[in-house]
Amino acid sequence: MKRQNTLLLVAGLSAMIPLAAVIAQESVMGLRGDAALDAQSLPAAVYKQLQVQRFKRAFRQQPPLVPYEVDSFQIDLKANACLSCHDWPGNVEVDAPKASETHYMNRDSVALDQVSRERWFCTQCHVPQKDTDALVQNTFQPAKLNP
């Protein structure tokens, strides 16, 4: 009888796991909204900011901020809209900065002809610049440049 109750308890809990996964999945919102990772989306209108409007980096190894909205850029396993302007030869045609040479190396520092898959999802490091208030109170000060 005790074994039968244990089996019923395990079966009942097992039935709840998929339900919990669905609830968790519905409450998580990615940067691309409710679009699936492999879904196509149209890029937002790109506007060019003047050089003087770009934010300075707060520390030496900070990835550059993006001076335009990228919410609807397609970045998935099959396509990366950023590279249409920031990979050679597209960057020359639109006068955009080319992705760093470090993006063309794999994790073993082997040079590649294309952007490494480890660097494929640009928005993991590069985010749009926003002139907003801090989300939480802090005392952060940008690094000082050497004279």
Protein backbone atom coordinates (compact mmCIF):
# COMPACT_ATOMS: atom_id res chain seq x y z
CA MET A 1 0.00 0.00 0.00
CA LYS A 2 2.83 2.39 0.91
CA ARG A 3 4.58 1.66 -2.41
CA GLN A 4 1.34 2.33 -4.30
CA ASN A 5 0.89 5.70 -2.55
CA THR A 6 4.49 6.63 -3.38
CA LEU A 7 3.92 5.76 -7.05
CA LEU A 8 0.75 7.85 -7.13
CA LEU A 9 2.59 10.79 -5.54
CA VAL A 10 5.46 10.54 -8.06
CA ALA A 11 3.00 10.27 -10.97
CA GLY A 12 1.09 13.32 -9.72
CA LEU A 13 4.23 15.41 -9.30
CA SER A 14 5.52 14.31 -12.72
CA ALA A 15 2.29 15.53 -14.31
CA MET A 16 2.85 18.98 -12.78
CA ILE A 17 6.38 19.46 -14.16
CA PRO A 18 5.28 20.22 -17.77
CA LEU A 19 2.66 22.64 -16.41
CA ALA A 20 5.32 24.48 -14.38
CA ALA A 21 7.53 24.69 -17.49
CA VAL A 22 4.68 26.23 -19.50
CA ILE A 23 3.93 28.76 -16.76
CA ALA A 24 7.63 29.71 -16.47
CA GLN A 25 7.96 29.99 -20.25
CA GLU A 26 4.96 32.31 -20.51
CA SER A 27 6.28 34.65 -17.83
CA VAL A 28 9.75 35.10 -19.39
CA MET A 29 10.06 37.83 -22.02
CA GLY A 30 13.19 37.99 -24.17
CA LEU A 31 14.74 41.07 -25.76
CA ARG A 32 12.92 40.27 -29.01
CA GLY A 33 9.52 40.25 -27.29
CA ASP A 34 7.42 37.15 -27.78
CA ALA A 35 9.14 36.19 -31.06
CA ALA A 36 10.66 32.71 -31.07
CA LEU A 37 14.43 32.48 -31.46
CA ASP A 38 14.16 31.08 -34.98
CA ALA A 39 11.33 33.45 -36.06
CA GLN A 40 12.07 36.14 -38.62
CA SER A 41 11.53 39.80 -37.82
CA LEU A 42 12.15 43.01 -39.69
CA PRO A 43 14.95 45.29 -38.54
CA ALA A 44 14.03 48.65 -37.06
CA ALA A 45 14.72 51.80 -39.02
CA VAL A 46 18.37 52.64 -38.51
CA TYR A 47 19.31 56.23 -37.91
CA LYS A 48 22.84 57.50 -37.79
CA GLN A 49 23.92 59.50 -34.78
CA LEU A 50 26.58 62.13 -34.88
CA GLN A 51 29.90 61.02 -33.43
CA VAL A 52 29.65 63.60 -30.63
CA GLN A 53 26.40 62.01 -29.41
CA ARG A 54 27.95 58.61 -28.72
CA PHE A 55 28.40 57.77 -25.07
CA LYS A 56 31.93 57.32 -23.78
CA ARG A 57 32.89 53.91 -22.47
CA ALA A 58 32.83 53.60 -18.70
CA PHE A 59 35.75 51.16 -18.53
CA ARG A 60 38.52 49.95 -20.84
CA GLN A 61 37.07 46.58 -21.93
CA GLN A 62 33.45 47.76 -22.20
CA PRO A 63 31.82 46.59 -25.44
CA PRO A 64 30.77 49.60 -27.55
CA LEU A 65 27.17 50.71 -27.12
CA VAL A 66 24.86 50.67 -30.15
CA PRO A 67 23.64 54.18 -31.08
CA TYR A 68 20.26 52.98 -32.47
CA GLU A 69 17.40 50.64 -31.58
CA VAL A 70 17.92 46.95 -32.35
CA ASP A 71 14.68 45.54 -30.91
CA SER A 72 13.48 44.05 -34.17
CA PHE A 73 16.83 43.00 -35.66
CA GLN A 74 16.87 39.34 -36.68
CA ILE A 75 19.54 37.57 -34.68
CA ASP A 76 18.95 33.85 -34.55
CA LEU A 77 20.70 30.60 -35.41
CA LYS A 78 20.37 31.23 -39.16
CA ALA A 79 20.80 35.00 -39.56
CA ASN A 80 22.37 38.02 -37.91
CA ALA A 81 21.13 41.42 -39.12
CA CYS A 82 24.01 43.23 -37.38
CA LEU A 83 26.54 41.62 -39.69
CA SER A 84 24.93 43.04 -42.83
CA CYS A 85 26.47 46.39 -41.83
CA HIS A 86 29.28 45.42 -39.44
CA ASP A 87 30.95 42.61 -41.40
CA TRP A 88 33.15 43.07 -44.44
CA PRO A 89 32.32 44.21 -47.15
CA GLY A 90 28.99 45.65 -45.91
CA ASN A 91 30.70 47.90 -43.40
CA VAL A 92 32.62 49.63 -46.20
CA GLU A 93 29.45 50.23 -48.22
CA VAL A 94 27.54 51.85 -45.34
CA ASP A 95 30.55 53.36 -43.54
CA ALA A 96 29.89 51.40 -40.33
CA PRO A 97 32.52 50.16 -37.87
CA LYS A 98 33.66 46.62 -38.65
CA ALA A 99 33.35 44.02 -35.91
CA SER A 100 36.56 43.61 -33.93
CA GLU A 101 39.10 41.07 -35.17
CA THR A 102 38.58 39.21 -31.89
CA HIS A 103 35.09 38.34 -33.16
CA TYR A 104 36.73 36.36 -35.99
CA MET A 105 38.55 33.97 -33.64
CA ASN A 106 37.24 30.83 -32.06
CA ARG A 107 37.76 29.95 -28.40
CA ASP A 108 41.17 28.44 -29.27
CA SER A 109 42.28 31.79 -30.83
CA VAL A 110 42.22 30.32 -34.34
CA ALA A 111 41.48 33.02 -36.95
CA LEU A 112 38.31 32.42 -39.00
CA ASP A 113 36.98 33.89 -42.26
CA GLN A 114 33.66 34.73 -40.65
CA VAL A 115 32.38 35.80 -37.24
CA SER A 116 32.81 33.01 -34.72
CA ARG A 117 29.66 31.31 -33.47
CA GLU A 118 30.81 32.17 -29.93
CA ARG A 119 30.35 35.86 -30.89
CA TRP A 120 27.22 35.42 -33.01
CA PHE A 121 24.59 36.88 -30.63
CA CYS A 122 25.74 40.53 -30.58
CA THR A 123 23.16 41.78 -28.08
CA GLN A 124 24.62 39.59 -25.34
CA CYS A 125 27.36 42.23 -25.01
CA HIS A 126 26.39 45.21 -27.17
CA VAL A 127 23.30 47.09 -26.03
CA PRO A 128 21.59 50.25 -27.31
CA GLN A 129 22.71 53.41 -25.55
CA LYS A 130 20.01 55.15 -23.53
CA ASP A 131 20.13 58.40 -21.64
CA THR A 132 18.19 57.24 -18.60
CA ASP A 133 18.37 57.41 -14.84
CA ALA A 134 20.11 54.56 -13.01
CA LEU A 135 17.80 51.66 -12.15
CA VAL A 136 19.19 51.53 -8.62
CA GLN A 137 21.11 54.03 -6.52
CA ASN A 138 24.86 53.54 -6.91
CA THR A 139 28.16 55.34 -6.61
CA PHE A 140 29.74 54.08 -9.86
CA GLN A 141 32.25 56.41 -11.46
CA PRO A 142 33.66 55.82 -14.96
CA ALA A 143 37.35 54.95 -15.19
CA LYS A 144 39.63 57.95 -15.61
CA LEU A 145 41.71 58.18 -18.76
CA ASN A 146 45.48 58.28 -18.34
CA PRO A 147 46.95 61.71 -19.27
